[in-house]
């Protein structure tokens, strides 16, 4: 494998791994290359990103390599996250929030297994709105992040505690997920106009994955999430 191709693959892997990142050893195993070669490629990429003035950087934190945004751009990301025009929750975010509420603590991979689609954007949206938060790390390979709901989630839906949630549906697979999600938020007396853009008449007529195909996802999603750092 030539060096430019290796760097391109590593960049894609870091993007897909999101905030969880990957260790150099994991990357080396995936690309079937020596750890030393992967390390050299990452170091070269760090320099290239800086010289080219890219909007993302490669970070090495606690033995994990990940993509992150630039601190000097934080003010712009805050505007994106808290823009009044982006205060609604999409279907994907609602589904993800329902799953986290009933299955917490839960990892991104487990959420995606239930929804049947990538859910990183929806998770970022909910984290940025302080509806879910990292509550620990799973005892599994890579120590994936575990997510749970926040006090803001309880306040948002007028709950005294998580025990006040309506009787749960199954939330085990994607077959009845839309129906179960709508039932949940109907029971919470959440009006569609409070959680969706006013021009969206039916939350379940909107398919985030169709509108924004996974291969077109950028580190700064267009729905309402902010980038990780």
Protein backbone atom coordinates (compact mmCIF):
# COMPACT_ATOMS: atom_id res chain seq x y z
CA UNK A 1 0.00 0.00 0.00
CA UNK A 2 1.43 3.38 -0.98
CA UNK A 3 1.80 6.09 1.66
CA UNK A 4 -0.80 8.58 0.28
CA UNK A 5 -3.43 5.83 0.14
CA UNK A 6 -2.60 4.78 3.70
CA UNK A 7 -3.09 8.34 4.96
CA UNK A 8 -6.37 8.64 3.07
CA UNK A 9 -7.66 5.42 4.64
CA UNK A 10 -6.58 6.52 8.11
CA UNK A 11 -8.42 9.82 7.71
CA UNK A 12 -11.58 7.95 6.76
CA UNK A 13 -11.22 5.58 9.70
CA UNK A 14 -10.81 8.46 12.14
CA UNK A 15 -13.87 10.17 10.71
CA UNK A 16 -15.99 7.04 11.08
CA UNK A 17 -14.74 6.34 14.60
CA UNK A 18 -15.98 9.76 15.73
CA UNK A 19 -15.29 10.91 19.27
CA UNK A 20 -14.35 7.39 20.36
CA UNK A 21 -11.29 7.44 18.09
CA UNK A 22 -8.91 4.54 17.47
CA UNK A 23 -5.58 3.49 18.89
CA UNK A 24 -2.58 3.24 16.57
CA UNK A 25 -2.61 -0.51 17.13
CA UNK A 26 -6.26 -0.76 16.07
CA UNK A 27 -5.56 1.24 12.92
CA UNK A 28 -2.53 -0.91 12.11
CA UNK A 29 -4.61 -4.07 12.46
CA UNK A 30 -7.38 -2.70 10.22
CA UNK A 31 -5.04 -1.58 7.43
CA UNK A 32 -2.75 -4.60 7.92
CA UNK A 33 0.37 -2.46 8.22
CA UNK A 34 3.17 -2.11 10.75
CA UNK A 35 2.48 0.08 13.78
CA UNK A 36 5.60 2.10 12.98
CA UNK A 37 4.34 2.87 9.47
CA UNK A 38 0.92 3.91 10.76
CA UNK A 39 2.56 6.12 13.39
CA UNK A 40 4.67 7.82 10.70
CA UNK A 41 1.57 8.37 8.56
CA UNK A 42 -0.37 9.94 11.43
CA UNK A 43 2.51 12.26 12.34
CA UNK A 44 2.77 13.38 8.73
CA UNK A 45 -0.98 13.95 8.57
CA UNK A 46 -0.87 16.10 11.71
CA UNK A 47 1.68 18.37 10.05
CA UNK A 48 -0.18 18.45 6.74
CA UNK A 49 -3.48 19.40 8.36
CA UNK A 50 -1.80 22.29 10.18
CA UNK A 51 0.08 23.56 7.11
CA UNK A 52 -3.00 23.38 4.90
CA UNK A 53 -5.15 25.30 7.36
CA UNK A 54 -7.70 22.49 7.52
CA UNK A 55 -10.85 22.92 9.60
CA UNK A 56 -10.11 19.75 11.56
CA UNK A 57 -7.04 18.44 13.30
CA UNK A 58 -5.78 15.04 14.39
CA UNK A 59 -5.61 14.69 18.15
CA UNK A 60 -3.81 12.08 20.24
CA UNK A 61 -5.49 11.77 23.63
CA UNK A 62 -4.78 9.02 26.17
CA UNK A 63 -3.48 6.64 23.54
CA UNK A 64 -6.39 7.27 21.17
CA UNK A 65 -6.21 9.09 17.84
CA UNK A 66 -9.26 11.08 16.73
CA UNK A 67 -10.39 13.98 14.57
CA UNK A 68 -11.28 17.21 16.32
CA UNK A 69 -12.14 20.79 15.50
CA UNK A 70 -9.91 23.82 16.07
CA UNK A 71 -10.31 25.67 19.40
CA UNK A 72 -10.14 29.03 17.64
CA UNK A 73 -13.32 28.15 15.72
CA UNK A 74 -15.34 27.36 18.86
CA UNK A 75 -17.44 30.52 18.69
CA UNK A 76 -18.81 29.49 15.29
CA UNK A 77 -19.65 25.99 16.47
CA UNK A 78 -21.53 27.44 19.43
CA UNK A 79 -23.62 29.54 17.04
CA UNK A 80 -24.45 26.41 15.08
CA UNK A 81 -25.35 24.44 18.18
CA UNK A 82 -27.54 27.09 19.78
CA UNK A 83 -29.06 28.76 16.74
CA UNK A 84 -32.84 29.24 17.30
CA UNK A 85 -33.42 27.84 13.81
CA UNK A 86 -31.85 24.57 14.89
CA UNK A 87 -33.69 23.91 18.13
CA UNK A 88 -35.93 21.15 16.78
CA UNK A 89 -35.29 17.45 17.09
CA UNK A 90 -35.37 15.24 14.02
CA UNK A 91 -36.92 11.80 13.87
CA UNK A 92 -33.48 10.23 14.20
CA UNK A 93 -32.76 12.27 17.33
CA UNK A 94 -36.13 11.41 18.86
CA UNK A 95 -35.62 7.70 18.18
CA UNK A 96 -32.11 7.81 19.62
CA UNK A 97 -33.29 9.72 22.70
CA UNK A 98 -36.04 7.18 23.34
CA UNK A 99 -33.59 4.30 23.07
CA UNK A 100 -31.11 5.94 25.45
CA UNK A 101 -33.87 6.78 27.94
CA UNK A 102 -35.03 3.18 28.23
CA UNK A 103 -31.82 1.26 27.61
CA UNK A 104 -29.23 3.42 29.40
CA UNK A 105 -26.36 3.10 29.85
CA UNK A 106 -25.90 2.23 26.19
CA UNK A 107 -23.16 2.58 23.57
CA UNK A 108 -23.40 4.10 20.11
CA UNK A 109 -22.96 0.68 18.51
CA UNK A 110 -25.86 -0.73 20.53
CA UNK A 111 -28.03 2.22 19.51
CA UNK A 112 -27.15 1.63 15.88
CA UNK A 113 -27.96 -2.07 16.18
CA UNK A 114 -31.45 -1.16 17.36
CA UNK A 115 -32.05 1.61 14.81
CA UNK A 116 -30.38 -0.27 11.97
CA UNK A 117 -28.57 2.87 10.76
CA UNK A 118 -25.64 5.08 11.77
CA UNK A 119 -26.56 7.31 14.69
CA UNK A 120 -23.49 9.43 15.36
CA UNK A 121 -25.15 12.63 14.09
CA UNK A 122 -28.22 12.09 16.26
CA UNK A 123 -26.04 11.39 19.30
CA UNK A 124 -24.04 14.58 18.69
CA UNK A 125 -27.30 16.52 18.47
CA UNK A 126 -28.56 15.17 21.78
CA UNK A 127 -25.21 15.71 23.52
CA UNK A 128 -25.04 19.30 22.26
CA UNK A 129 -28.57 19.93 23.56
CA UNK A 130 -27.58 18.41 26.94
CA UNK A 131 -30.26 15.73 26.68
CA UNK A 132 -27.77 12.84 26.89
CA UNK A 133 -24.26 12.66 28.28
CA UNK A 134 -21.33 10.29 28.62
CA UNK A 135 -21.83 8.28 31.80
CA UNK A 136 -18.88 5.91 31.56
CA UNK A 137 -17.09 3.38 29.40
CA UNK A 138 -18.21 -0.13 28.54
CA UNK A 139 -16.07 -3.09 29.50
CA UNK A 140 -15.49 -4.07 25.87
CA UNK A 141 -12.81 -3.78 23.22
CA UNK A 142 -11.97 -0.11 22.73
CA UNK A 143 -13.89 0.87 25.91
CA UNK A 144 -16.76 2.52 23.97
CA UNK A 145 -18.61 5.45 25.51
CA UNK A 146 -21.78 4.73 27.45
CA UNK A 147 -24.59 7.28 27.16
CA UNK A 148 -27.38 8.16 29.56
CA UNK A 149 -29.96 10.91 29.94
CA UNK A 150 -29.35 14.15 31.84
CA UNK A 151 -31.22 16.31 34.34
CA UNK A 152 -31.97 18.60 31.40
CA UNK A 153 -33.76 15.66 29.77
CA UNK A 154 -35.99 15.33 32.83
CA UNK A 155 -36.62 19.08 32.91
CA UNK A 156 -37.31 19.16 29.16
CA UNK A 157 -40.04 16.55 29.44
CA UNK A 158 -41.31 17.52 32.89
CA UNK A 159 -40.22 14.34 34.68
CA UNK A 160 -39.28 14.12 38.34
CA UNK A 161 -37.06 11.11 37.68
CA UNK A 162 -36.32 8.55 34.98
CA UNK A 163 -38.75 6.24 36.79
CA UNK A 164 -41.59 8.54 35.69
CA UNK A 165 -41.18 7.52 32.05
CA UNK A 166 -44.25 5.80 30.57
CA UNK A 167 -44.25 2.01 30.45
CA UNK A 168 -41.54 1.16 27.92
CA UNK A 169 -42.03 -0.39 24.53
CA UNK A 170 -39.58 -2.96 23.39
CA UNK A 171 -36.97 -0.71 21.71
CA UNK A 172 -35.12 -3.89 20.77
CA UNK A 173 -35.04 -3.54 16.98
CA UNK A 174 -35.99 -1.15 14.19
CA UNK A 175 -39.18 -2.96 13.11
CA UNK A 176 -41.59 -1.03 15.36
CA UNK A 177 -39.24 1.79 16.35
CA UNK A 178 -41.17 4.64 14.75
CA UNK A 179 -44.45 3.53 16.31
CA UNK A 180 -42.90 3.03 19.73
CA UNK A 181 -41.13 6.39 19.59
CA UNK A 182 -44.30 8.24 18.64
CA UNK A 183 -46.22 6.47 21.37
CA UNK A 184 -43.60 7.49 23.92
CA UNK A 185 -43.64 11.16 23.03
CA UNK A 186 -47.41 11.18 22.74
CA UNK A 187 -47.55 9.90 26.32
CA UNK A 188 -45.15 12.64 27.36
CA UNK A 189 -47.57 15.13 25.80
CA UNK A 190 -44.86 16.59 23.59
CA UNK A 191 -46.44 18.46 20.71
CA UNK A 192 -44.83 18.13 17.31
CA UNK A 193 -44.52 21.89 17.03
CA UNK A 194 -42.41 21.93 20.19
CA UNK A 195 -39.88 19.44 18.94
CA UNK A 196 -39.96 19.86 15.17
CA UNK A 197 -39.68 22.73 12.72
CA UNK A 198 -43.12 24.25 12.23
CA UNK A 199 -43.10 23.36 8.54
CA UNK A 200 -42.73 19.65 9.29
CA UNK A 201 -46.23 18.22 9.65
CA UNK A 202 -45.33 14.66 10.63
CA UNK A 203 -42.17 13.70 12.46
CA UNK A 204 -42.22 10.25 10.93
CA UNK A 205 -42.50 11.49 7.35
CA UNK A 206 -38.96 12.81 7.64
CA UNK A 207 -36.12 10.34 7.18
CA UNK A 208 -32.80 11.80 8.27
CA UNK A 209 -30.78 8.99 6.71
CA UNK A 210 -32.53 9.49 3.34
CA UNK A 211 -32.18 13.26 3.43
CA UNK A 212 -28.56 13.05 4.47
CA UNK A 213 -27.02 9.79 3.18
CA UNK A 214 -24.33 8.37 5.44
CA UNK A 215 -21.63 8.74 2.79
CA UNK A 216 -22.36 12.47 2.61
CA UNK A 217 -22.02 13.11 6.33
CA UNK A 218 -19.40 15.74 7.18
CA UNK A 219 -17.80 16.45 10.57
CA UNK A 220 -20.16 19.41 10.83
CA UNK A 221 -23.60 17.89 10.11
CA UNK A 222 -26.28 19.97 8.50
CA UNK A 223 -29.16 18.88 10.70
CA UNK A 224 -28.47 20.34 14.15
CA UNK A 225 -25.41 18.74 15.63
CA UNK A 226 -22.05 20.19 16.46
CA UNK A 227 -18.63 18.71 15.87
CA UNK A 228 -16.71 16.86 18.51
CA UNK A 229 -13.53 18.26 19.86
